[in-house]
C-alpha cells in the first residue's frame, strides 16, 4: 500500500473541506476501499475518515419514517431498527460476519453501490431519501449503475430516511464465501402499493421489478407472482450462476420475501 495522509474530522464541514483537497477520498467502514488500495487499484493521497463525526451516527423515528445516520454501523442498525423496521434490522443481521457488521456503515454501502450489496435493495424498495451535505436525493434517482451513484465529487451522505412500510421482508440467496447476495429481493407494502427491489442479479446493479410491483399491489401474496418472470437479458452471468439461473432466483426470492413479510 502506498503512503497517504489520514484525516479524521469531527464535523461534516471539516470533512467537506478535507475532501476538497486533491486526490482526497472519503473512508467509512473501508471494506471496499482498503482492499482496493492494498491491490494498488486505488491510490488516494488523503483518506478522510467519517467515523468520528457524531452527527453522522444514530437512528431515530421521525413520524412514519426511520432516519439513520450515514456512519451508523450494520450492527447498530440491526439492534436499533428491530422495533420500527424489523425487515431492515434482519437485513443488517445478515451482512458479512460480526467484524464486518461492527465496522461497516450503511452510508458507505449505499455510496459504494456494490451490485450485490443488501442496503441498496432496502433503500430502493423503501422509497428512501438519501440526504447529503448538499441536497436530498430520492433512491430512484440515486442508484445509477454498477458502483455508480448520483453523488458528486466530494459529496457526503449524511443520513438515510426510510418510510416505514405496512409489511416488508428481505430474502437473499447467499454467495457462501462472502455472504453477498447472489440474488436478493426486498419487498415493502405501502398504502400506495408494493415496491420490489432486486440486488445481486443485475449487470447495472440494484433495480426495481415493476411487473411484480403491479401484481403485488393488486394482491399481496406469493401467488400473485405466478407466471411472472424477469428477462435474463441484462442479468449477471458468472461462475456462480447463469443469467437464467438468476432470473429464476429473482422470482423465488421475491416470493419468499412476500411470504415472510
Protein backbone atom coordinates (compact mmCIF):
# COMPACT_ATOMS: atom_id res chain seq x y z
CA UNK A 1 0.00 0.00 0.00
CA UNK A 2 1.29 3.49 -0.88
CA UNK A 3 1.77 6.37 1.55
CA UNK A 4 -1.20 8.62 2.24
CA UNK A 5 -2.35 11.24 4.72
CA UNK A 6 -5.07 10.26 7.19
CA UNK A 7 -7.57 12.89 8.36
CA UNK A 8 -10.32 12.29 10.93
CA UNK A 9 -12.62 15.34 11.09
CA UNK A 10 -15.18 15.81 13.87
CA UNK A 11 -17.78 17.74 11.84
CA UNK A 12 -19.37 17.46 8.41
CA UNK A 13 -18.00 20.89 7.48
CA UNK A 14 -14.46 19.77 8.30
CA UNK A 15 -14.95 16.62 6.25
CA UNK A 16 -16.23 18.56 3.24
CA UNK A 17 -13.22 20.87 3.45
CA UNK A 18 -10.81 17.94 3.65
CA UNK A 19 -12.45 16.23 0.68
CA UNK A 20 -11.84 19.37 -1.34
CA UNK A 21 -8.14 18.59 -1.33
CA UNK A 22 -6.52 17.00 -4.36
CA UNK A 23 -6.91 13.20 -4.56
CA UNK A 24 -8.90 13.02 -1.32
CA UNK A 25 -11.21 10.04 -0.69
CA UNK A 26 -13.88 9.53 1.96
CA UNK A 27 -13.42 6.50 4.23
CA UNK A 28 -16.33 4.88 6.07
CA UNK A 29 -16.05 1.19 7.01
CA UNK A 30 -13.33 0.70 4.41
CA UNK A 31 -14.33 -2.80 3.37
CA UNK A 32 -14.09 -1.96 -0.32
CA UNK A 33 -11.64 0.95 -0.39
CA UNK A 34 -8.86 -0.54 1.75
CA UNK A 35 -8.60 -3.86 -0.15
CA UNK A 36 -8.62 -1.87 -3.37
CA UNK A 37 -5.73 0.24 -2.10
CA UNK A 38 -3.82 -2.85 -0.99
CA UNK A 39 -4.11 -4.20 -4.53
CA UNK A 40 -2.89 -0.80 -5.82
CA UNK A 41 -6.09 -0.30 -7.80
CA UNK A 42 -6.71 2.97 -5.96
CA UNK A 43 -4.20 5.45 -4.62
CA UNK A 44 -5.83 8.40 -2.84
CA UNK A 45 -3.40 10.93 -1.39
CA UNK A 46 -5.70 11.77 1.51
CA UNK A 47 -8.11 9.48 3.37
CA UNK A 48 -10.87 11.36 5.15
CA UNK A 49 -12.46 9.18 7.85
CA UNK A 50 -16.13 9.87 8.52
CA UNK A 51 -16.37 7.66 11.61
CA UNK A 52 -15.50 10.42 14.08
CA UNK A 53 -18.42 12.67 13.15
CA UNK A 54 -21.08 12.31 15.86
CA UNK A 55 -23.78 13.93 13.69
CA UNK A 56 -23.48 11.06 11.19
CA UNK A 57 -24.37 8.35 13.72
CA UNK A 58 -27.60 7.20 15.30
CA UNK A 59 -31.12 6.11 14.45
CA UNK A 60 -34.35 7.93 15.24
CA UNK A 61 -38.03 7.71 14.41
CA UNK A 62 -39.50 10.78 12.69
CA UNK A 63 -43.22 10.36 12.15
CA UNK A 64 -43.74 7.48 9.74
CA UNK A 65 -40.07 7.22 8.78
CA UNK A 66 -36.82 5.90 10.21
CA UNK A 67 -33.83 8.23 9.87
CA UNK A 68 -30.39 6.62 10.05
CA UNK A 69 -27.10 8.49 10.20
CA UNK A 70 -24.74 7.54 7.40
CA UNK A 71 -21.93 6.42 9.73
CA UNK A 72 -24.21 4.08 11.69
CA UNK A 73 -22.81 0.55 11.60
CA UNK A 74 -24.66 -2.53 10.42
CA UNK A 75 -24.65 -3.88 13.98
CA UNK A 76 -26.25 -0.69 15.26
CA UNK A 77 -28.93 -0.85 12.56
CA UNK A 78 -29.62 -4.49 13.42
CA UNK A 79 -30.21 -3.55 17.05
CA UNK A 80 -31.90 -0.15 16.85
CA UNK A 81 -34.21 -0.77 13.86
CA UNK A 82 -35.68 -4.00 15.24
CA UNK A 83 -38.75 -2.32 16.74
CA UNK A 84 -39.67 0.15 13.99
CA UNK A 85 -38.41 -1.61 10.85
CA UNK A 86 -37.74 -5.31 11.60
CA UNK A 87 -37.13 -6.22 7.94
CA UNK A 88 -34.29 -3.72 7.79
CA UNK A 89 -32.87 -4.98 11.08
CA UNK A 90 -32.92 -8.56 9.81
CA UNK A 91 -31.17 -7.49 6.61
CA UNK A 92 -28.42 -5.83 8.67
CA UNK A 93 -28.02 -9.01 10.75
CA UNK A 94 -27.22 -10.95 7.57
CA UNK A 95 -24.41 -8.73 6.30
CA UNK A 96 -20.97 -10.35 6.37
CA UNK A 97 -19.76 -11.51 9.77
CA UNK A 98 -19.56 -9.81 13.20
CA UNK A 99 -16.33 -7.99 12.29
CA UNK A 100 -17.92 -6.55 9.15
CA UNK A 101 -21.15 -5.63 10.93
CA UNK A 102 -19.32 -3.77 13.67
CA UNK A 103 -17.22 -1.73 11.26
CA UNK A 104 -19.18 -1.31 8.03
CA UNK A 105 -21.68 1.53 7.71
CA UNK A 106 -24.97 1.98 5.91
CA UNK A 107 -23.77 5.18 4.24
CA UNK A 108 -20.62 3.54 2.98
CA UNK A 109 -22.61 0.68 1.49
CA UNK A 110 -25.00 2.99 -0.32
CA UNK A 111 -22.22 5.25 -1.61
CA UNK A 112 -20.26 2.27 -2.92
CA UNK A 113 -23.36 0.71 -4.58
CA UNK A 114 -21.89 -2.75 -4.98
CA UNK A 115 -24.19 -4.70 -7.34
CA UNK A 116 -24.58 -7.46 -4.73
CA UNK A 117 -24.92 -5.29 -1.61
CA UNK A 118 -28.00 -5.55 0.62
CA UNK A 119 -28.76 -1.96 1.65
CA UNK A 120 -29.38 -0.64 -1.88
CA UNK A 121 -32.31 -3.06 -2.17
CA UNK A 122 -33.74 -1.86 1.15
CA UNK A 123 -33.35 1.80 0.21
CA UNK A 124 -34.89 1.36 -3.23
CA UNK A 125 -37.79 -0.82 -2.05
CA UNK A 126 -38.50 1.62 0.79
CA UNK A 127 -38.56 4.66 -1.49
CA UNK A 128 -35.86 6.12 0.73
CA UNK A 129 -34.38 9.59 0.54
CA UNK A 130 -30.60 9.91 0.76
CA UNK A 131 -29.58 13.15 2.44
CA UNK A 132 -26.16 14.63 1.70
CA UNK A 133 -24.31 17.73 2.80
CA UNK A 134 -25.80 19.45 -0.27
CA UNK A 135 -29.25 18.04 -1.08
CA UNK A 136 -31.91 15.34 -0.78
CA UNK A 137 -31.83 12.52 -3.38
CA UNK A 138 -34.65 10.04 -3.96
CA UNK A 139 -33.46 6.43 -4.03
CA UNK A 140 -34.96 6.03 -7.51
CA UNK A 141 -32.52 8.70 -8.72
CA UNK A 142 -29.58 7.78 -6.52
CA UNK A 143 -28.56 4.38 -7.91
CA UNK A 144 -27.28 4.92 -11.44
CA UNK A 145 -25.41 1.76 -12.37
CA UNK A 146 -22.57 -0.54 -11.39
CA UNK A 147 -20.70 1.15 -8.49
CA UNK A 148 -22.24 4.41 -9.68
CA UNK A 149 -24.49 6.83 -7.82
CA UNK A 150 -25.75 10.39 -8.13
CA UNK A 151 -23.12 11.60 -5.67
CA UNK A 152 -20.85 14.33 -6.98
CA UNK A 153 -17.13 14.53 -6.15
CA UNK A 154 -16.68 15.44 -2.50
CA UNK A 155 -20.37 15.00 -1.67
CA UNK A 156 -21.06 13.17 1.60
CA UNK A 157 -24.10 11.11 2.57
CA UNK A 158 -25.28 12.36 5.96
CA UNK A 159 -28.45 10.34 6.58
CA UNK A 160 -30.97 7.98 5.01
CA UNK A 161 -34.70 8.47 5.54
CA UNK A 162 -36.77 5.30 5.03
CA UNK A 163 -40.58 5.43 5.14
CA UNK A 164 -41.78 2.57 7.34
CA UNK A 165 -43.96 0.12 5.38
CA UNK A 166 -47.03 -1.79 6.50
CA UNK A 167 -45.26 -5.06 5.70
CA UNK A 168 -41.77 -5.85 4.45
CA UNK A 169 -39.13 -8.57 4.25
CA UNK A 170 -35.81 -9.32 2.61
CA UNK A 171 -34.82 -12.70 1.20
CA UNK A 172 -31.45 -13.43 -0.32
CA UNK A 173 -29.66 -16.41 -1.79
CA UNK A 174 -26.17 -16.01 -0.38
CA UNK A 175 -22.84 -16.47 -2.06
CA UNK A 176 -21.47 -18.73 0.71
CA UNK A 177 -17.93 -17.33 0.86
CA UNK A 178 -18.76 -13.62 1.01
CA UNK A 179 -22.40 -13.69 2.20
CA UNK A 180 -23.15 -11.14 -0.51
CA UNK A 181 -26.41 -11.69 -2.33
CA UNK A 182 -26.17 -13.97 -5.34
CA UNK A 183 -29.71 -12.67 -5.72
CA UNK A 184 -31.76 -10.85 -3.10
CA UNK A 185 -35.25 -9.37 -3.05
CA UNK A 186 -36.58 -6.70 -0.69
CA UNK A 187 -40.35 -6.21 -0.77
CA UNK A 188 -42.26 -3.45 1.00
CA UNK A 189 -46.01 -2.82 1.10
CA UNK A 190 -47.26 0.75 1.49
CA UNK A 191 -50.77 2.20 1.29
CA UNK A 192 -49.85 3.41 -2.20
CA UNK A 193 -48.78 -0.06 -3.34
CA UNK A 194 -45.92 -2.55 -3.22
CA UNK A 195 -42.28 -1.92 -4.10
CA UNK A 196 -39.81 -4.65 -5.04
CA UNK A 197 -36.07 -4.15 -5.34
CA UNK A 198 -33.62 -6.77 -6.60
CA UNK A 199 -29.91 -6.92 -5.80
CA UNK A 200 -27.14 -9.30 -6.85
CA UNK A 201 -28.70 -10.10 -10.23
CA UNK A 202 -28.49 -7.04 -12.47
CA UNK A 203 -25.43 -6.12 -14.52
CA UNK A 204 -26.20 -2.49 -13.70
CA UNK A 205 -26.77 -3.11 -10.01
CA UNK A 206 -29.95 -2.85 -7.95
CA UNK A 207 -33.24 -2.45 -9.82
CA UNK A 208 -36.98 -2.42 -9.25
CA UNK A 209 -39.11 -5.26 -10.61
CA UNK A 210 -42.07 -3.25 -11.91
CA UNK A 211 -44.14 -6.23 -13.07
CA UNK A 212 -44.04 -7.79 -9.62
CA UNK A 213 -44.90 -4.46 -8.02
CA UNK A 214 -48.06 -4.19 -10.08
CA UNK A 215 -49.09 -7.76 -9.28
CA UNK A 216 -48.41 -7.41 -5.56
CA UNK A 217 -50.15 -4.05 -5.37
CA UNK A 218 -53.29 -5.79 -6.56
CA UNK A 219 -52.81 -8.94 -4.45
CA UNK A 220 -50.05 -9.00 -1.87
CA UNK A 221 -49.45 -12.75 -1.82
CA UNK A 222 -46.82 -15.13 -3.24
CA UNK A 223 -49.44 -16.49 -5.64
CA UNK A 224 -49.55 -13.09 -7.36
CA UNK A 225 -46.11 -13.83 -8.78
CA UNK A 226 -47.23 -17.00 -10.53
CA UNK A 227 -46.33 -16.82 -14.21
CA UNK A 228 -44.14 -13.75 -13.85
CA UNK A 229 -40.53 -13.81 -15.00
CA UNK A 230 -37.65 -11.37 -15.24
CA UNK A 231 -35.92 -11.39 -18.65
CA UNK A 232 -32.42 -12.83 -18.36
CA UNK A 233 -31.05 -10.13 -20.66
CA UNK A 234 -29.04 -7.71 -18.53
CA UNK A 235 -28.60 -10.13 -15.64
CA UNK A 236 -25.22 -11.25 -14.32
CA UNK A 237 -23.67 -14.46 -15.57
CA UNK A 238 -20.59 -15.83 -13.79
CA UNK A 239 -19.18 -18.99 -12.21
CA UNK A 240 -21.86 -18.81 -9.51
CA UNK A 241 -24.83 -18.80 -11.87
CA UNK A 242 -26.06 -18.05 -15.37
CA UNK A 243 -28.40 -15.13 -16.17
CA UNK A 244 -31.26 -17.65 -16.50
CA UNK A 245 -30.44 -19.06 -13.07
CA UNK A 246 -30.51 -15.60 -11.52
CA UNK A 247 -33.77 -14.78 -13.32
CA UNK A 248 -35.35 -17.76 -11.61
CA UNK A 249 -33.86 -16.70 -8.27
CA UNK A 250 -35.44 -13.25 -8.65
CA UNK A 251 -38.91 -14.81 -8.71
CA UNK A 252 -38.15 -17.33 -5.96
CA UNK A 253 -36.57 -14.79 -3.58
CA UNK A 254 -39.37 -12.29 -4.17
CA UNK A 255 -41.92 -14.95 -3.36
CA UNK A 256 -40.09 -15.91 -0.17
CA UNK A 257 -39.87 -12.27 0.88
CA UNK A 258 -43.61 -11.77 0.37
CA UNK A 259 -44.38 -14.93 2.34
CA UNK A 260 -42.11 -13.80 5.19
CA UNK A 261 -43.50 -10.27 5.43
